[in-house]
Amino acid sequence: MRCRHHLGPELGEPELATSCALDVADLGGASAEEVAELLGVSVGEVRRVEAEALARARTGWQ
């Protein structure tokens, strides 16, 4: 069972070089490009999720 901070893919997919969000945070954060590479998504998708998370944080996660 994975912890809730695991960034890894579903079963059967290749493992990530860094599989824990806490490890990424310990590195001092990461650029959108680095996060996209870690997760195997586009930089645009990373920025969209970041913008949505910041908007939700400003409004109290409604």
PDB file of N, CA and C in Angstrom:
ATOM      1  N   MET A   1       0.847  -1.186   0.000  1.00  0.00           N
ATOM      2  CA  MET A   1       0.000   0.000   0.000  1.00  0.00           C
ATOM      3  C   MET A   1       0.887   1.242   0.000  1.00  0.00           C
ATOM      4  N   ARG A   2       0.544   2.195  -0.838  1.00  0.00           N
ATOM      5  CA  ARG A   2       1.328   3.421  -0.965  1.00  0.00           C
ATOM      6  C   ARG A   2       0.833   4.473   0.021  1.00  0.00           C
ATOM      7  N   CYS A   3       1.748   5.355   0.412  1.00  0.00           N
ATOM      8  CA  CYS A   3       1.312   6.463   1.251  1.00  0.00           C
ATOM      9  C   CYS A   3       0.610   7.503   0.375  1.00  0.00           C
ATOM     10  N   ARG A   4      -0.074   8.426   0.987  1.00  0.00           N
ATOM     11  CA  ARG A   4      -0.836   9.404   0.212  1.00  0.00           C
ATOM     12  C   ARG A   4       0.037  10.410  -0.522  1.00  0.00           C
ATOM     13  N   HIS A   5       1.343  10.413  -0.266  1.00  0.00           N
ATOM     14  CA  HIS A   5       2.258  11.338  -0.923  1.00  0.00           C
ATOM     15  C   HIS A   5       2.970  10.709  -2.115  1.00  0.00           C
ATOM     16  N   HIS A   6       2.614   9.464  -2.436  1.00  0.00           N
ATOM     17  CA  HIS A   6       3.264   8.735  -3.519  1.00  0.00           C
ATOM     18  C   HIS A   6       2.882   9.343  -4.864  1.00  0.00           C
ATOM     19  N   LEU A   7       3.874   9.591  -5.719  1.00  0.00           N
ATOM     20  CA  LEU A   7       3.640  10.168  -7.032  1.00  0.00           C
ATOM     21  C   LEU A   7       3.591   9.110  -8.124  1.00  0.00           C
ATOM     22  N   GLY A   8       3.826   7.882  -7.749  1.00  0.00           N
ATOM     23  CA  GLY A   8       4.001   6.814  -8.713  1.00  0.00           C
ATOM     24  C   GLY A   8       2.790   6.513  -9.556  1.00  0.00           C
ATOM     25  N   PRO A   9       3.039   5.843 -10.661  1.00  0.00           N
ATOM     26  CA  PRO A   9       1.975   5.455 -11.584  1.00  0.00           C
ATOM     27  C   PRO A   9       1.199   4.258 -11.046  1.00  0.00           C
ATOM     28  N   GLU A  10       0.167   3.886 -11.754  1.00  0.00           N
ATOM     29  CA  GLU A  10      -0.620   2.706 -11.397  1.00  0.00           C
ATOM     30  C   GLU A  10       0.209   1.455 -11.643  1.00  0.00           C
ATOM     31  N   LEU A  11      -0.257   0.338 -11.137  1.00  0.00           N
ATOM     32  CA  LEU A  11       0.458  -0.927 -11.304  1.00  0.00           C
ATOM     33  C   LEU A  11       0.689  -1.226 -12.781  1.00  0.00           C
ATOM     34  N   GLY A  12       1.840  -1.765 -13.088  1.00  0.00           N
ATOM     35  CA  GLY A  12       2.172  -2.132 -14.457  1.00  0.00           C
ATOM     36  C   GLY A  12       2.899  -1.051 -15.233  1.00  0.00           C
ATOM     37  N   GLU A  13       2.932   0.160 -14.702  1.00  0.00           N
ATOM     38  CA  GLU A  13       3.639   1.250 -15.364  1.00  0.00           C
ATOM     39  C   GLU A  13       5.019   1.397 -14.749  1.00  0.00           C
ATOM     40  N   PRO A  14       5.973   1.975 -15.485  1.00  0.00           N
ATOM     41  CA  PRO A  14       7.326   2.136 -14.938  1.00  0.00           C
ATOM     42  C   PRO A  14       7.341   3.028 -13.705  1.00  0.00           C
ATOM     43  N   GLU A  15       8.264   2.763 -12.804  1.00  0.00           N
ATOM     44  CA  GLU A  15       8.411   3.566 -11.592  1.00  0.00           C
ATOM     45  C   GLU A  15       9.072   4.905 -11.899  1.00  0.00           C
ATOM     46  N   LEU A  16       8.798   5.891 -11.086  1.00  0.00           N
ATOM     47  CA  LEU A  16       9.399   7.210 -11.217  1.00  0.00           C
ATOM     48  C   LEU A  16      10.746   7.235 -10.518  1.00  0.00           C
ATOM     49  N   ALA A  17      11.610   8.155 -10.938  1.00  0.00           N
ATOM     50  CA  ALA A  17      12.905   8.319 -10.269  1.00  0.00           C
ATOM     51  C   ALA A  17      12.695   8.775  -8.825  1.00  0.00           C
ATOM     52  N   THR A  18      11.772   9.683  -8.610  1.00  0.00           N
ATOM     53  CA  THR A  18      11.400  10.150  -7.274  1.00  0.00           C
ATOM     54  C   THR A  18       9.930   9.825  -7.105  1.00  0.00           C
ATOM     55  N   SER A  19       9.601   8.971  -6.142  1.00  0.00           N
ATOM     56  CA  SER A  19       8.225   8.512  -6.045  1.00  0.00           C
ATOM     57  C   SER A  19       7.448   9.122  -4.879  1.00  0.00           C
ATOM     58  N   CYS A  20       8.031  10.075  -4.176  1.00  0.00           N
ATOM     59  CA  CYS A  20       7.338  10.667  -3.036  1.00  0.00           C
ATOM     60  C   CYS A  20       7.353  12.198  -3.144  1.00  0.00           C
ATOM     61  N   ALA A  21       6.193  12.802  -3.007  1.00  0.00           N
ATOM     62  CA  ALA A  21       6.099  14.257  -3.061  1.00  0.00           C
ATOM     63  C   ALA A  21       6.922  14.902  -1.953  1.00  0.00           C
ATOM     64  N   LEU A  22       7.057  14.211  -0.829  1.00  0.00           N
ATOM     65  CA  LEU A  22       7.841  14.755   0.278  1.00  0.00           C
ATOM     66  C   LEU A  22       9.326  14.821  -0.085  1.00  0.00           C
ATOM     67  N   ASP A  23       9.808  13.848  -0.876  1.00  0.00           N
ATOM     68  CA  ASP A  23      11.197  13.892  -1.341  1.00  0.00           C
ATOM     69  C   ASP A  23      11.422  15.092  -2.259  1.00  0.00           C
ATOM     70  N   VAL A  24      10.455  15.368  -3.121  1.00  0.00           N
ATOM     71  CA  VAL A  24      10.555  16.528  -4.010  1.00  0.00           C
ATOM     72  C   VAL A  24      10.582  17.807  -3.182  1.00  0.00           C
ATOM     73  N   ALA A  25       9.735  17.894  -2.170  1.00  0.00           N
ATOM     74  CA  ALA A  25       9.704  19.076  -1.308  1.00  0.00           C
ATOM     75  C   ALA A  25      11.022  19.243  -0.562  1.00  0.00           C
ATOM     76  N   ASP A  26      11.621  18.136  -0.112  1.00  0.00           N
ATOM     77  CA  ASP A  26      12.910  18.198   0.582  1.00  0.00           C
ATOM     78  C   ASP A  26      14.008  18.764  -0.312  1.00  0.00           C
ATOM     79  N   LEU A  27      13.841  18.615  -1.619  1.00  0.00           N
ATOM     80  CA  LEU A  27      14.824  19.160  -2.554  1.00  0.00           C
ATOM     81  C   LEU A  27      14.664  20.664  -2.718  1.00  0.00           C
ATOM     82  N   GLY A  28      13.674  21.241  -2.077  1.00  0.00           N
ATOM     83  CA  GLY A  28      13.440  22.676  -2.182  1.00  0.00           C
ATOM     84  C   GLY A  28      12.417  23.019  -3.240  1.00  0.00           C
ATOM     85  N   GLY A  29      11.606  22.053  -3.630  1.00  0.00           N
ATOM     86  CA  GLY A  29      10.603  22.282  -4.660  1.00  0.00           C
ATOM     87  C   GLY A  29      11.134  21.901  -6.024  1.00  0.00           C
ATOM     88  N   ALA A  30      10.328  22.141  -7.031  1.00  0.00           N
ATOM     89  CA  ALA A  30      10.705  21.782  -8.390  1.00  0.00           C
ATOM     90  C   ALA A  30      10.008  22.729  -9.357  1.00  0.00           C
ATOM     91  N   SER A  31      10.607  22.917 -10.498  1.00  0.00           N
ATOM     92  CA  SER A  31      10.002  23.756 -11.537  1.00  0.00           C
ATOM     93  C   SER A  31       8.854  22.994 -12.180  1.00  0.00           C
ATOM     94  N   ALA A  32       8.014  23.704 -12.909  1.00  0.00           N
ATOM     95  CA  ALA A  32       6.910  23.060 -13.622  1.00  0.00           C
ATOM     96  C   ALA A  32       7.447  22.015 -14.594  1.00  0.00           C
ATOM     97  N   GLU A  33       8.560  22.304 -15.213  1.00  0.00           N
ATOM     98  CA  GLU A  33       9.165  21.367 -16.158  1.00  0.00           C
ATOM     99  C   GLU A  33       9.616  20.090 -15.456  1.00  0.00           C
ATOM    100  N   GLU A  34      10.213  20.236 -14.274  1.00  0.00           N
ATOM    101  CA  GLU A  34      10.671  19.068 -13.510  1.00  0.00           C
ATOM    102  C   GLU A  34       9.491  18.230 -13.032  1.00  0.00           C
ATOM    103  N   VAL A  35       8.443  18.894 -12.573  1.00  0.00           N
ATOM    104  CA  VAL A  35       7.254  18.171 -12.112  1.00  0.00           C
ATOM    105  C   VAL A  35       6.610  17.431 -13.283  1.00  0.00           C
ATOM    106  N   ALA A  36       6.514  18.087 -14.423  1.00  0.00           N
ATOM    107  CA  ALA A  36       5.939  17.447 -15.605  1.00  0.00           C
ATOM    108  C   ALA A  36       6.725  16.199 -15.988  1.00  0.00           C
ATOM    109  N   GLU A  37       8.041  16.293 -15.936  1.00  0.00           N
ATOM    110  CA  GLU A  37       8.868  15.139 -16.265  1.00  0.00           C
ATOM    111  C   GLU A  37       8.679  14.015 -15.244  1.00  0.00           C
ATOM    112  N   LEU A  38       8.633  14.360 -13.962  1.00  0.00           N
ATOM    113  CA  LEU A  38       8.431  13.360 -12.913  1.00  0.00           C
ATOM    114  C   LEU A  38       7.111  12.617 -13.084  1.00  0.00           C
ATOM    115  N   LEU A  39       6.063  13.354 -13.418  1.00  0.00           N
ATOM    116  CA  LEU A  39       4.725  12.772 -13.496  1.00  0.00           C
ATOM    117  C   LEU A  39       4.352  12.261 -14.876  1.00  0.00           C
ATOM    118  N   GLY A  40       5.157  12.613 -15.880  1.00  0.00           N
ATOM    119  CA  GLY A  40       4.862  12.169 -17.234  1.00  0.00           C
ATOM    120  C   GLY A  40       3.666  12.880 -17.844  1.00  0.00           C
ATOM    121  N   VAL A  41       3.507  14.163 -17.522  1.00  0.00           N
ATOM    122  CA  VAL A  41       2.428  14.976 -18.084  1.00  0.00           C
ATOM    123  C   VAL A  41       3.043  16.223 -18.726  1.00  0.00           C
ATOM    124  N   SER A  42       2.201  17.007 -19.385  1.00  0.00           N
ATOM    125  CA  SER A  42       2.709  18.219 -20.024  1.00  0.00           C
ATOM    126  C   SER A  42       2.923  19.330 -18.998  1.00  0.00           C
ATOM    127  N   VAL A  43       3.774  20.279 -19.355  1.00  0.00           N
ATOM    128  CA  VAL A  43       4.015  21.438 -18.497  1.00  0.00           C
ATOM    129  C   VAL A  43       2.724  22.239 -18.353  1.00  0.00           C
ATOM    130  N   GLY A  44       1.940  22.313 -19.426  1.00  0.00           N
ATOM    131  CA  GLY A  44       0.658  23.009 -19.370  1.00  0.00           C
ATOM    132  C   GLY A  44      -0.287  22.406 -18.351  1.00  0.00           C
ATOM    133  N   GLU A  45      -0.299  21.075 -18.263  1.00  0.00           N
ATOM    134  CA  GLU A  45      -1.160  20.400 -17.281  1.00  0.00           C
ATOM    135  C   GLU A  45      -0.699  20.705 -15.868  1.00  0.00           C
ATOM    136  N   VAL A  46       0.610  20.728 -15.646  1.00  0.00           N
ATOM    137  CA  VAL A  46       1.144  21.064 -14.321  1.00  0.00           C
ATOM    138  C   VAL A  46       0.732  22.482 -13.945  1.00  0.00           C
ATOM    139  N   ARG A  47       0.852  23.400 -14.868  1.00  0.00           N
ATOM    140  CA  ARG A  47       0.490  24.795 -14.583  1.00  0.00           C
ATOM    141  C   ARG A  47      -1.009  24.955 -14.355  1.00  0.00           C
ATOM    142  N   ARG A  48      -1.835  24.181 -15.081  1.00  0.00           N
ATOM    143  CA  ARG A  48      -3.291  24.237 -14.887  1.00  0.00           C
ATOM    144  C   ARG A  48      -3.650  23.757 -13.484  1.00  0.00           C
ATOM    145  N   VAL A  49      -3.067  22.642 -13.059  1.00  0.00           N
ATOM    146  CA  VAL A  49      -3.347  22.100 -11.728  1.00  0.00           C
ATOM    147  C   VAL A  49      -2.850  23.067 -10.656  1.00  0.00           C
ATOM    148  N   GLU A  50      -1.672  23.655 -10.873  1.00  0.00           N
ATOM    149  CA  GLU A  50      -1.138  24.624  -9.912  1.00  0.00           C
ATOM    150  C   GLU A  50      -2.072  25.824  -9.777  1.00  0.00           C
ATOM    151  N   ALA A  51      -2.544  26.353 -10.904  1.00  0.00           N
ATOM    152  CA  ALA A  51      -3.438  27.516 -10.867  1.00  0.00           C
ATOM    153  C   ALA A  51      -4.738  27.176 -10.149  1.00  0.00           C
ATOM    154  N   GLU A  52      -5.277  25.981 -10.399  1.00  0.00           N
ATOM    155  CA  GLU A  52      -6.511  25.564  -9.728  1.00  0.00           C
ATOM    156  C   GLU A  52      -6.295  25.411  -8.226  1.00  0.00           C
ATOM    157  N   ALA A  53      -5.172  24.830  -7.837  1.00  0.00           N
ATOM    158  CA  ALA A  53      -4.878  24.653  -6.414  1.00  0.00           C
ATOM    159  C   ALA A  53      -4.709  26.000  -5.715  1.00  0.00           C
ATOM    160  N   LEU A  54      -4.036  26.930  -6.355  1.00  0.00           N
ATOM    161  CA  LEU A  54      -3.857  28.254  -5.759  1.00  0.00           C
ATOM    162  C   LEU A  54      -5.183  28.994  -5.634  1.00  0.00           C
ATOM    163  N   ALA A  55      -6.030  28.865  -6.641  1.00  0.00           N
ATOM    164  CA  ALA A  55      -7.361  29.508  -6.586  1.00  0.00           C
ATOM    165  C   ALA A  55      -8.185  28.910  -5.457  1.00  0.00           C
ATOM    166  N   ARG A  56      -8.135  27.590  -5.312  1.00  0.00           N
ATOM    167  CA  ARG A  56      -8.884  26.942  -4.224  1.00  0.00           C
ATOM    168  C   ARG A  56      -8.326  27.347  -2.859  1.00  0.00           C
ATOM    169  N   ALA A  57      -7.031  27.494  -2.755  1.00  0.00           N
ATOM    170  CA  ALA A  57      -6.426  27.891  -1.484  1.00  0.00           C
ATOM    171  C   ALA A  57      -6.867  29.296  -1.092  1.00  0.00           C
ATOM    172  N   ARG A  58      -6.983  30.164  -2.095  1.00  0.00           N
ATOM    173  CA  ARG A  58      -7.422  31.537  -1.813  1.00  0.00           C
ATOM    174  C   ARG A  58      -8.871  31.594  -1.365  1.00  0.00           C
ATOM    175  N   THR A  59      -9.697  30.666  -1.840  1.00  0.00           N
ATOM    176  CA  THR A  59     -11.125  30.700  -1.504  1.00  0.00           C
ATOM    177  C   THR A  59     -11.491  29.744  -0.383  1.00  0.00           C
ATOM    178  N   GLY A  60     -10.509  29.131   0.238  1.00  0.00           N
ATOM    179  CA  GLY A  60     -10.777  28.236   1.361  1.00  0.00           C
ATOM    180  C   GLY A  60     -11.148  26.817   0.945  1.00  0.00           C
ATOM    181  N   TRP A  61     -10.699  26.345  -0.199  1.00  0.00           N
ATOM    182  CA  TRP A  61     -10.906  24.968  -0.684  1.00  0.00           C
ATOM    183  C   TRP A  61     -12.370  24.599  -0.804  1.00  0.00           C
ATOM    184  N   GLN A  62     -13.154  25.501  -1.356  1.00  0.00           N
ATOM    185  CA  GLN A  62     -14.587  25.215  -1.545  1.00  0.00           C
ATOM    186  C   GLN A  62     -14.826  24.394  -2.780  1.00  0.00           C
TER     187      GLN A  62
END
